[in-house]
């Protein structure tokens, strides 16, 4: 799984919500199965936990809401599921 972008509008950027492309998921129906799962992004000194909240579009992307804002270095970074 990889973070594609922040969730954003025309004039606002929500840096505690990210759009994530799931591996081997090609449509919205497959992506719905992952809603509610927890994910984690690791940094050298810490990590941030988030929850998949909804589907974004029709190509298998989802919106993940994190507990705190993400830094800019998190774009295009790998994340993984929390057991």
C-alpha atoms as a PDB file:
ATOM      1  CA  UNK A   1       0.000   0.000   0.000  1.00  0.00           C
ATOM      2  CA  UNK A   2       1.246   3.440  -0.826  1.00  0.00           C
ATOM      3  CA  UNK A   3       0.132   6.954   0.112  1.00  0.00           C
ATOM      4  CA  UNK A   4      -0.807   8.780  -3.079  1.00  0.00           C
ATOM      5  CA  UNK A   5      -1.852  12.196  -1.754  1.00  0.00           C
ATOM      6  CA  UNK A   6      -3.504  14.080   1.056  1.00  0.00           C
ATOM      7  CA  UNK A   7      -7.272  14.370   0.948  1.00  0.00           C
ATOM      8  CA  UNK A   8      -7.824  17.861  -0.371  1.00  0.00           C
ATOM      9  CA  UNK A   9     -10.175  20.313  -1.940  1.00  0.00           C
ATOM     10  CA  UNK A  10      -9.553  23.260  -4.157  1.00  0.00           C
ATOM     11  CA  UNK A  11      -8.397  25.529  -1.348  1.00  0.00           C
ATOM     12  CA  UNK A  12      -7.870  23.201   1.624  1.00  0.00           C
ATOM     13  CA  UNK A  13      -5.520  20.352   2.412  1.00  0.00           C
ATOM     14  CA  UNK A  14      -6.376  17.886   5.160  1.00  0.00           C
ATOM     15  CA  UNK A  15      -2.994  16.607   6.251  1.00  0.00           C
ATOM     16  CA  UNK A  16      -4.454  14.096   8.722  1.00  0.00           C
ATOM     17  CA  UNK A  17      -6.295  12.287   5.909  1.00  0.00           C
ATOM     18  CA  UNK A  18      -4.530  10.500   3.087  1.00  0.00           C
ATOM     19  CA  UNK A  19      -5.573   8.763  -0.133  1.00  0.00           C
ATOM     20  CA  UNK A  20      -4.004   5.306  -0.283  1.00  0.00           C
ATOM     21  CA  UNK A  21      -3.691   2.918  -3.232  1.00  0.00           C
ATOM     22  CA  UNK A  22      -4.196  -0.649  -2.011  1.00  0.00           C
ATOM     23  CA  UNK A  23      -2.125  -3.462  -3.493  1.00  0.00           C
ATOM     24  CA  UNK A  24      -3.952  -5.806  -5.904  1.00  0.00           C
ATOM     25  CA  UNK A  25      -7.260  -3.910  -5.549  1.00  0.00           C
ATOM     26  CA  UNK A  26      -8.731  -2.751  -8.848  1.00  0.00           C
ATOM     27  CA  UNK A  27     -12.247  -1.452  -8.056  1.00  0.00           C
ATOM     28  CA  UNK A  28     -14.422   0.086  -5.356  1.00  0.00           C
ATOM     29  CA  UNK A  29     -16.200  -3.169  -4.501  1.00  0.00           C
ATOM     30  CA  UNK A  30     -12.928  -4.837  -3.499  1.00  0.00           C
ATOM     31  CA  UNK A  31     -11.814  -1.733  -1.590  1.00  0.00           C
ATOM     32  CA  UNK A  32     -14.997  -1.703   0.542  1.00  0.00           C
ATOM     33  CA  UNK A  33     -13.808  -4.861   2.297  1.00  0.00           C
ATOM     34  CA  UNK A  34     -10.947  -2.909   3.908  1.00  0.00           C
ATOM     35  CA  UNK A  35     -13.073  -0.201   5.593  1.00  0.00           C
ATOM     36  CA  UNK A  36     -12.438  -0.164   9.348  1.00  0.00           C
ATOM     37  CA  UNK A  37      -8.986  -1.759   9.195  1.00  0.00           C
ATOM     38  CA  UNK A  38      -6.123  -0.039  11.001  1.00  0.00           C
ATOM     39  CA  UNK A  39      -2.923   0.909   9.210  1.00  0.00           C
ATOM     40  CA  UNK A  40       0.443   2.192  10.350  1.00  0.00           C
ATOM     41  CA  UNK A  41       3.099   4.370   8.739  1.00  0.00           C
ATOM     42  CA  UNK A  42       6.604   4.025  10.153  1.00  0.00           C
ATOM     43  CA  UNK A  43       9.178   6.773  10.504  1.00  0.00           C
ATOM     44  CA  UNK A  44      12.738   6.445  11.875  1.00  0.00           C
ATOM     45  CA  UNK A  45      11.801   7.519  15.397  1.00  0.00           C
ATOM     46  CA  UNK A  46       8.016   7.021  15.600  1.00  0.00           C
ATOM     47  CA  UNK A  47       4.908   5.778  13.845  1.00  0.00           C
ATOM     48  CA  UNK A  48       1.377   7.057  13.170  1.00  0.00           C
ATOM     49  CA  UNK A  49      -1.745   4.876  13.259  1.00  0.00           C
ATOM     50  CA  UNK A  50      -4.797   5.481  11.085  1.00  0.00           C
ATOM     51  CA  UNK A  51      -8.096   3.880  10.098  1.00  0.00           C
ATOM     52  CA  UNK A  52      -9.478   3.269   6.614  1.00  0.00           C
ATOM     53  CA  UNK A  53     -12.715   5.256   6.561  1.00  0.00           C
ATOM     54  CA  UNK A  54     -14.125   5.168   3.036  1.00  0.00           C
ATOM     55  CA  UNK A  55     -13.550   4.387  -0.628  1.00  0.00           C
ATOM     56  CA  UNK A  56     -12.127   7.111  -2.870  1.00  0.00           C
ATOM     57  CA  UNK A  57     -13.154   6.835  -6.494  1.00  0.00           C
ATOM     58  CA  UNK A  58     -13.626   3.665  -8.519  1.00  0.00           C
ATOM     59  CA  UNK A  59     -10.045   2.407  -8.918  1.00  0.00           C
ATOM     60  CA  UNK A  60      -9.357   0.810  -5.546  1.00  0.00           C
ATOM     61  CA  UNK A  61      -8.182   3.815  -3.572  1.00  0.00           C
ATOM     62  CA  UNK A  62      -9.318   4.473  -0.001  1.00  0.00           C
ATOM     63  CA  UNK A  63      -9.251   7.389   2.446  1.00  0.00           C
ATOM     64  CA  UNK A  64      -7.285   6.843   5.658  1.00  0.00           C
ATOM     65  CA  UNK A  65      -7.806   9.126   8.653  1.00  0.00           C
ATOM     66  CA  UNK A  66      -4.755   9.373  10.916  1.00  0.00           C
ATOM     67  CA  UNK A  67      -4.658  10.396  14.565  1.00  0.00           C
ATOM     68  CA  UNK A  68      -2.413  13.366  13.812  1.00  0.00           C
ATOM     69  CA  UNK A  69      -1.190  15.221  10.746  1.00  0.00           C
ATOM     70  CA  UNK A  70       1.243  13.604   8.355  1.00  0.00           C
ATOM     71  CA  UNK A  71       4.494  15.260   7.276  1.00  0.00           C
ATOM     72  CA  UNK A  72       5.188  15.917   3.620  1.00  0.00           C
ATOM     73  CA  UNK A  73       7.748  13.091   3.527  1.00  0.00           C
ATOM     74  CA  UNK A  74       4.916  10.577   3.912  1.00  0.00           C
ATOM     75  CA  UNK A  75       3.722  11.035   0.317  1.00  0.00           C
ATOM     76  CA  UNK A  76       4.611   7.943  -1.744  1.00  0.00           C
ATOM     77  CA  UNK A  77       5.647   6.055   1.399  1.00  0.00           C
ATOM     78  CA  UNK A  78       4.670   2.458   2.150  1.00  0.00           C
ATOM     79  CA  UNK A  79       2.188   1.724   4.927  1.00  0.00           C
ATOM     80  CA  UNK A  80       1.089  -1.596   6.419  1.00  0.00           C
ATOM     81  CA  UNK A  81      -1.854  -3.123   8.246  1.00  0.00           C
ATOM     82  CA  UNK A  82      -1.871  -3.327  12.050  1.00  0.00           C
ATOM     83  CA  UNK A  83      -2.883  -6.751  13.399  1.00  0.00           C
END
